[in-house]
């Protein structure tokens, strides 16, 4: 696997701008919802697996 050279006429570097307070708040809310959803999914999978093993 080799390195890919950047074309001469294209700049692939990016400069990100800081997030506003509202954007940061929205992002944190979305991430929290995703974490809760994933935790519920994991908990359900554990319950189903424990039922299968006990039967």
C-alpha atoms as a PDB file:
ATOM      1  CA  UNK A   1       0.000   0.000   0.000  1.00  0.00           C
ATOM      2  CA  UNK A   2       1.580   3.263  -1.079  1.00  0.00           C
ATOM      3  CA  UNK A   3       1.048   6.923  -0.504  1.00  0.00           C
ATOM      4  CA  UNK A   4      -1.264   8.820  -2.830  1.00  0.00           C
ATOM      5  CA  UNK A   5       0.117  12.157  -3.939  1.00  0.00           C
ATOM      6  CA  UNK A   6      -2.077  15.227  -3.794  1.00  0.00           C
ATOM      7  CA  UNK A   7      -2.749  16.655  -7.274  1.00  0.00           C
ATOM      8  CA  UNK A   8      -1.027  19.984  -7.944  1.00  0.00           C
ATOM      9  CA  UNK A   9      -4.233  21.887  -8.680  1.00  0.00           C
ATOM     10  CA  UNK A  10      -6.271  20.442  -5.786  1.00  0.00           C
ATOM     11  CA  UNK A  11      -5.938  21.319  -2.094  1.00  0.00           C
ATOM     12  CA  UNK A  12      -7.230  18.480   0.071  1.00  0.00           C
ATOM     13  CA  UNK A  13      -6.579  20.183   3.398  1.00  0.00           C
ATOM     14  CA  UNK A  14      -9.606  21.553   5.203  1.00  0.00           C
ATOM     15  CA  UNK A  15     -10.055  24.299   7.700  1.00  0.00           C
ATOM     16  CA  UNK A  16     -12.921  23.714  10.061  1.00  0.00           C
ATOM     17  CA  UNK A  17     -14.812  26.515  11.695  1.00  0.00           C
ATOM     18  CA  UNK A  18     -15.756  26.362  15.385  1.00  0.00           C
ATOM     19  CA  UNK A  19     -19.303  25.297  16.141  1.00  0.00           C
ATOM     20  CA  UNK A  20     -21.848  27.735  17.475  1.00  0.00           C
ATOM     21  CA  UNK A  21     -23.385  27.093  20.887  1.00  0.00           C
ATOM     22  CA  UNK A  22     -26.658  26.030  19.219  1.00  0.00           C
ATOM     23  CA  UNK A  23     -24.922  23.580  16.852  1.00  0.00           C
ATOM     24  CA  UNK A  24     -22.935  22.087  19.722  1.00  0.00           C
ATOM     25  CA  UNK A  25     -26.087  21.724  21.820  1.00  0.00           C
ATOM     26  CA  UNK A  26     -27.915  20.014  18.935  1.00  0.00           C
ATOM     27  CA  UNK A  27     -24.982  17.671  18.321  1.00  0.00           C
ATOM     28  CA  UNK A  28     -24.788  16.671  21.987  1.00  0.00           C
ATOM     29  CA  UNK A  29     -28.545  16.017  22.047  1.00  0.00           C
ATOM     30  CA  UNK A  30     -28.341  13.775  18.968  1.00  0.00           C
ATOM     31  CA  UNK A  31     -25.370  11.838  20.355  1.00  0.00           C
ATOM     32  CA  UNK A  32     -27.160  11.323  23.683  1.00  0.00           C
ATOM     33  CA  UNK A  33     -30.238   9.963  21.867  1.00  0.00           C
ATOM     34  CA  UNK A  34     -28.059   7.575  19.857  1.00  0.00           C
ATOM     35  CA  UNK A  35     -26.328   6.327  23.018  1.00  0.00           C
ATOM     36  CA  UNK A  36     -29.666   5.708  24.740  1.00  0.00           C
ATOM     37  CA  UNK A  37     -31.008   3.862  21.685  1.00  0.00           C
ATOM     38  CA  UNK A  38     -27.879   1.697  21.459  1.00  0.00           C
ATOM     39  CA  UNK A  39     -28.003   0.914  25.190  1.00  0.00           C
ATOM     40  CA  UNK A  40     -31.630  -0.228  24.877  1.00  0.00           C
ATOM     41  CA  UNK A  41     -30.742  -2.382  21.889  1.00  0.00           C
ATOM     42  CA  UNK A  42     -27.818  -3.947  23.755  1.00  0.00           C
ATOM     43  CA  UNK A  43     -29.939  -4.557  26.863  1.00  0.00           C
ATOM     44  CA  UNK A  44     -32.622  -6.260  24.780  1.00  0.00           C
ATOM     45  CA  UNK A  45     -30.052  -8.481  23.065  1.00  0.00           C
ATOM     46  CA  UNK A  46     -28.620  -9.502  26.437  1.00  0.00           C
ATOM     47  CA  UNK A  47     -32.080 -10.378  27.757  1.00  0.00           C
ATOM     48  CA  UNK A  48     -32.868 -12.475  24.679  1.00  0.00           C
ATOM     49  CA  UNK A  49     -29.531 -14.297  24.928  1.00  0.00           C
ATOM     50  CA  UNK A  50     -30.016 -15.026  28.615  1.00  0.00           C
ATOM     51  CA  UNK A  51     -33.494 -16.471  27.910  1.00  0.00           C
ATOM     52  CA  UNK A  52     -32.087 -18.711  25.169  1.00  0.00           C
ATOM     53  CA  UNK A  53     -29.325 -20.020  27.441  1.00  0.00           C
ATOM     54  CA  UNK A  54     -31.649 -20.760  30.358  1.00  0.00           C
ATOM     55  CA  UNK A  55     -34.078 -22.781  28.213  1.00  0.00           C
END
